[in-house]
């Protein structure tokens, strides 16, 4: 009879489900945009903490691109993250952010092979100010990063629809759009629900269809201004200040 060996009785640790945020912190994001981006990410982290279970643990990393490209938050369990607000300044070095994100994903010491399929979320309100074509092509076509689920949101009328659209090529995700606080928060709720649904699924590597998620954020089609009747225009003028305070139009 074999002797008792307590070291053989180990508990399997939860598998990480990585969420990597690529967030524009350029100068044009200052004011209401960056404030509401901070609030949206904080709300997301709270939900992730409450969703973790014994089998799946949500890990979050945040890369910001503005005055510099910075690993604002190293990949860590959402329950261990102490949030520090983002600030906005500088230009939009998106290509460098792509390179940093890819280097992180390809490093198995940072993102282990046992991890589930990462979700990578890009948010920007402007146009890249560095070379982005080659870094983007490498990200979406080569190595482990090519297997990530990718989502993107354009903030405001100046966001580069072409670049953001290329980032989500090959996925089933539409390009989301926000022109106000409600739409920004709706997008982050959508991302949050997409990830939390996976933690409860028997197949966490399968990304849920957009139709299976209750929140319906605005897509890029909303970016096109639609003609308004004289009544609508008058109503818009009389309620302008109210809209600005309630929805924070940008």
Protein backbone atom coordinates (compact mmCIF):
# COMPACT_ATOMS: atom_id res chain seq x y z
CA UNK A 1 0.00 0.00 0.00
CA UNK A 2 1.34 3.42 -0.97
CA UNK A 3 2.04 5.92 1.76
CA UNK A 4 -0.13 8.99 2.16
CA UNK A 5 1.25 12.02 0.30
CA UNK A 6 -0.66 15.25 1.07
CA UNK A 7 1.15 17.14 -1.70
CA UNK A 8 -0.85 15.23 -4.30
CA UNK A 9 -4.08 16.84 -3.13
CA UNK A 10 -3.90 20.23 -4.78
CA UNK A 11 -6.69 22.60 -5.75
CA UNK A 12 -6.75 23.68 -9.37
CA UNK A 13 -6.45 27.45 -9.61
CA UNK A 14 -8.90 29.49 -11.65
CA UNK A 15 -7.98 30.11 -15.27
CA UNK A 16 -7.42 33.75 -16.20
CA UNK A 17 -9.62 35.47 -18.78
CA UNK A 18 -7.54 38.48 -19.85
CA UNK A 19 -9.07 41.84 -20.77
CA UNK A 20 -6.63 44.33 -22.28
CA UNK A 21 -7.75 47.94 -22.64
CA UNK A 22 -6.02 50.26 -25.11
CA UNK A 23 -7.15 53.72 -24.06
CA UNK A 24 -6.54 57.03 -25.80
CA UNK A 25 -5.31 59.61 -23.27
CA UNK A 26 -4.25 62.28 -25.77
CA UNK A 27 -4.94 65.95 -25.08
CA UNK A 28 -8.24 65.87 -26.96
CA UNK A 29 -9.56 63.42 -24.35
CA UNK A 30 -9.29 66.01 -21.57
CA UNK A 31 -12.30 67.22 -19.62
CA UNK A 32 -15.57 65.29 -19.71
CA UNK A 33 -14.20 62.51 -21.91
CA UNK A 34 -11.40 61.40 -19.60
CA UNK A 35 -13.56 61.85 -16.50
CA UNK A 36 -16.25 59.59 -17.84
CA UNK A 37 -13.73 57.12 -19.21
CA UNK A 38 -12.32 56.83 -15.68
CA UNK A 39 -15.79 56.21 -14.23
CA UNK A 40 -16.64 53.64 -16.89
CA UNK A 41 -13.47 51.62 -16.30
CA UNK A 42 -13.95 51.75 -12.52
CA UNK A 43 -17.50 50.43 -12.90
CA UNK A 44 -16.20 47.65 -15.11
CA UNK A 45 -13.60 46.60 -12.56
CA UNK A 46 -16.21 46.48 -9.79
CA UNK A 47 -18.42 44.18 -11.86
CA UNK A 48 -15.47 41.97 -12.77
CA UNK A 49 -14.58 41.58 -9.09
CA UNK A 50 -18.13 40.51 -8.27
CA UNK A 51 -18.23 38.03 -11.17
CA UNK A 52 -15.11 35.97 -10.54
CA UNK A 53 -15.62 32.34 -9.60
CA UNK A 54 -13.54 29.31 -8.70
CA UNK A 55 -13.00 28.35 -12.33
CA UNK A 56 -12.45 31.69 -14.08
CA UNK A 57 -10.69 34.83 -12.89
CA UNK A 58 -10.83 38.03 -14.93
CA UNK A 59 -7.44 39.68 -15.36
CA UNK A 60 -7.15 43.24 -16.63
CA UNK A 61 -4.30 45.21 -18.18
CA UNK A 62 -4.52 48.84 -19.30
CA UNK A 63 -2.26 50.45 -21.89
CA UNK A 64 -2.66 54.19 -22.40
CA UNK A 65 -1.41 56.21 -25.35
CA UNK A 66 -1.08 59.98 -25.13
CA UNK A 67 1.91 62.00 -24.01
CA UNK A 68 3.58 58.60 -23.73
CA UNK A 69 2.62 54.96 -24.21
CA UNK A 70 2.33 53.57 -20.73
CA UNK A 71 1.39 50.32 -19.05
CA UNK A 72 -1.02 52.04 -16.69
CA UNK A 73 -2.06 48.73 -15.15
CA UNK A 74 -0.06 45.51 -15.47
CA UNK A 75 -2.10 42.37 -16.11
CA UNK A 76 -3.61 41.40 -12.77
CA UNK A 77 -6.74 39.95 -11.25
CA UNK A 78 -9.51 42.55 -11.22
CA UNK A 79 -9.93 41.94 -7.49
CA UNK A 80 -6.32 43.01 -6.86
CA UNK A 81 -6.36 46.25 -8.87
CA UNK A 82 -6.21 49.57 -7.06
CA UNK A 83 -7.51 52.08 -9.59
CA UNK A 84 -5.62 55.28 -10.39
CA UNK A 85 -7.40 57.82 -12.57
CA UNK A 86 -6.16 58.51 -16.07
CA UNK A 87 -5.15 62.01 -17.19
CA UNK A 88 -5.09 63.35 -20.73
CA UNK A 89 -2.26 65.12 -22.61
CA UNK A 90 -0.09 64.78 -25.69
CA UNK A 91 -0.69 63.22 -29.08
CA UNK A 92 -2.03 59.81 -30.22
CA UNK A 93 0.81 57.24 -30.61
CA UNK A 94 -1.47 54.30 -31.39
CA UNK A 95 1.10 52.29 -33.34
CA UNK A 96 3.38 52.11 -30.32
CA UNK A 97 0.42 51.01 -28.19
CA UNK A 98 -0.24 48.16 -30.62
CA UNK A 99 3.38 47.06 -30.33
CA UNK A 100 3.27 47.10 -26.53
CA UNK A 101 -0.01 45.15 -26.43
CA UNK A 102 1.31 42.53 -28.83
CA UNK A 103 4.55 42.10 -26.86
CA UNK A 104 2.47 41.52 -23.72
CA UNK A 105 0.20 38.96 -25.35
CA UNK A 106 3.04 37.03 -26.95
CA UNK A 107 4.94 36.74 -23.63
CA UNK A 108 3.82 33.48 -22.00
CA UNK A 109 5.32 34.55 -18.69
CA UNK A 110 2.84 37.43 -18.64
CA UNK A 111 -0.11 35.75 -20.36
CA UNK A 112 0.17 31.99 -19.73
CA UNK A 113 -0.92 29.38 -22.26
CA UNK A 114 -3.63 28.18 -19.89
CA UNK A 115 -5.39 31.55 -20.12
CA UNK A 116 -8.63 31.87 -22.03
CA UNK A 117 -8.90 33.87 -25.24
CA UNK A 118 -8.15 37.54 -24.41
CA UNK A 119 -10.52 40.39 -25.13
CA UNK A 120 -8.75 43.50 -26.42
CA UNK A 121 -10.68 46.78 -26.30
CA UNK A 122 -9.56 49.91 -28.18
CA UNK A 123 -11.02 53.34 -27.38
CA UNK A 124 -9.94 56.50 -29.24
CA UNK A 125 -11.24 59.95 -30.15
CA UNK A 126 -8.64 60.95 -32.73
CA UNK A 127 -6.22 59.91 -35.45
CA UNK A 128 -2.88 58.15 -34.88
CA UNK A 129 0.14 60.42 -34.86
CA UNK A 130 2.74 57.70 -35.36
CA UNK A 131 3.22 54.83 -37.79
CA UNK A 132 0.38 52.39 -37.08
CA UNK A 133 -0.16 50.30 -40.26
CA UNK A 134 2.53 47.65 -39.74
CA UNK A 135 1.98 47.30 -35.97
CA UNK A 136 -1.75 46.87 -36.55
CA UNK A 137 -1.29 44.29 -39.31
CA UNK A 138 1.09 42.32 -37.11
CA UNK A 139 -1.35 42.48 -34.20
CA UNK A 140 -4.38 41.17 -36.09
CA UNK A 141 -2.62 38.68 -38.38
CA UNK A 142 0.36 37.17 -36.56
CA UNK A 143 0.92 35.04 -33.47
CA UNK A 144 -1.26 34.81 -30.38
CA UNK A 145 -2.63 38.34 -30.72
CA UNK A 146 -4.41 37.31 -33.94
CA UNK A 147 -6.63 34.99 -31.87
CA UNK A 148 -7.90 37.70 -29.53
CA UNK A 149 -11.45 38.99 -29.53
CA UNK A 150 -11.24 42.66 -30.55
CA UNK A 151 -13.68 45.49 -29.86
CA UNK A 152 -13.35 49.18 -30.65
CA UNK A 153 -15.16 52.42 -29.93
CA UNK A 154 -14.85 55.79 -31.64
CA UNK A 155 -15.45 58.78 -29.36
CA UNK A 156 -16.73 61.88 -31.11
CA UNK A 157 -16.66 63.05 -34.71
CA UNK A 158 -12.86 63.27 -34.99
CA UNK A 159 -12.16 59.58 -34.26
CA UNK A 160 -10.50 57.73 -37.15
CA UNK A 161 -13.18 55.35 -38.40
CA UNK A 162 -10.81 53.69 -40.88
CA UNK A 163 -8.15 52.75 -38.33
CA UNK A 164 -10.65 51.57 -35.73
CA UNK A 165 -12.51 49.61 -38.39
CA UNK A 166 -9.33 47.84 -39.44
CA UNK A 167 -8.67 46.87 -35.81
CA UNK A 168 -11.89 44.83 -35.66
CA UNK A 169 -11.55 43.24 -39.11
CA UNK A 170 -12.19 39.50 -38.94
CA UNK A 171 -14.39 39.76 -35.84
CA UNK A 172 -18.19 39.82 -35.63
CA UNK A 173 -18.10 43.05 -33.64
CA UNK A 174 -19.37 46.31 -35.13
CA UNK A 175 -17.51 49.55 -34.63
CA UNK A 176 -19.16 51.25 -31.70
CA UNK A 177 -19.53 55.00 -31.36
CA UNK A 178 -20.06 57.46 -28.52
CA UNK A 179 -20.93 61.13 -28.77
CA UNK A 180 -22.08 61.45 -25.16
CA UNK A 181 -21.70 59.99 -21.69
CA UNK A 182 -24.60 57.55 -21.99
CA UNK A 183 -23.18 55.99 -25.13
CA UNK A 184 -19.70 55.70 -23.62
CA UNK A 185 -21.06 53.93 -20.54
CA UNK A 186 -23.30 51.71 -22.66
CA UNK A 187 -20.24 50.52 -24.58
CA UNK A 188 -18.35 49.62 -21.43
CA UNK A 189 -21.41 47.83 -20.06
CA UNK A 190 -21.53 45.85 -23.31
CA UNK A 191 -17.85 44.88 -22.95
CA UNK A 192 -18.41 44.00 -19.30
CA UNK A 193 -21.36 41.75 -20.10
CA UNK A 194 -19.54 40.09 -22.99
CA UNK A 195 -16.71 39.11 -20.64
CA UNK A 196 -18.87 38.10 -17.67
CA UNK A 197 -21.06 35.89 -19.87
CA UNK A 198 -17.90 34.02 -20.84
CA UNK A 199 -16.97 33.41 -17.20
CA UNK A 200 -20.29 31.59 -16.69
CA UNK A 201 -20.10 29.61 -19.92
CA UNK A 202 -18.92 26.04 -20.30
CA UNK A 203 -16.92 27.29 -23.29
CA UNK A 204 -15.27 30.56 -22.14
CA UNK A 205 -13.18 30.82 -25.31
CA UNK A 206 -16.36 31.36 -27.33
CA UNK A 207 -17.31 35.04 -27.55
CA UNK A 208 -21.07 35.65 -27.18
CA UNK A 209 -22.99 37.07 -30.11
CA UNK A 210 -23.88 40.75 -29.78
CA UNK A 211 -27.56 39.77 -29.92
CA UNK A 212 -27.16 37.74 -26.73
CA UNK A 213 -26.15 40.85 -24.76
CA UNK A 214 -28.92 43.04 -23.34
CA UNK A 215 -27.04 46.33 -23.73
CA UNK A 216 -27.10 47.74 -27.27
CA UNK A 217 -24.47 50.48 -27.65
CA UNK A 218 -24.58 52.93 -30.54
CA UNK A 219 -22.61 51.87 -33.62
CA UNK A 220 -20.73 54.02 -36.11
CA UNK A 221 -23.89 54.51 -38.19
CA UNK A 222 -25.03 56.97 -35.53
CA UNK A 223 -22.10 59.19 -36.48
CA UNK A 224 -23.88 60.41 -39.62
CA UNK A 225 -25.93 63.48 -38.82
CA UNK A 226 -29.59 63.06 -39.71
CA UNK A 227 -31.77 65.95 -40.95
CA UNK A 228 -34.04 67.43 -38.28
CA UNK A 229 -37.43 69.02 -38.60
CA UNK A 230 -37.95 72.63 -37.52
CA UNK A 231 -39.75 71.33 -34.41
CA UNK A 232 -36.82 69.08 -33.50
CA UNK A 233 -34.34 71.90 -34.04
CA UNK A 234 -36.36 74.23 -31.82
CA UNK A 235 -36.64 71.56 -29.17
CA UNK A 236 -32.90 70.95 -29.34
CA UNK A 237 -32.18 74.64 -28.80
CA UNK A 238 -34.46 74.97 -25.77
CA UNK A 239 -33.09 71.84 -24.12
CA UNK A 240 -29.43 72.33 -25.04
CA UNK A 241 -28.20 73.13 -21.55
CA UNK A 242 -30.20 70.28 -20.05
CA UNK A 243 -28.74 67.79 -22.53
CA UNK A 244 -25.23 69.00 -21.85
CA UNK A 245 -25.59 68.49 -18.13
CA UNK A 246 -27.38 65.15 -18.31
CA UNK A 247 -25.58 63.48 -21.19
CA UNK A 248 -22.34 65.42 -21.51
CA UNK A 249 -22.35 65.87 -25.27
CA UNK A 250 -18.85 66.14 -26.77
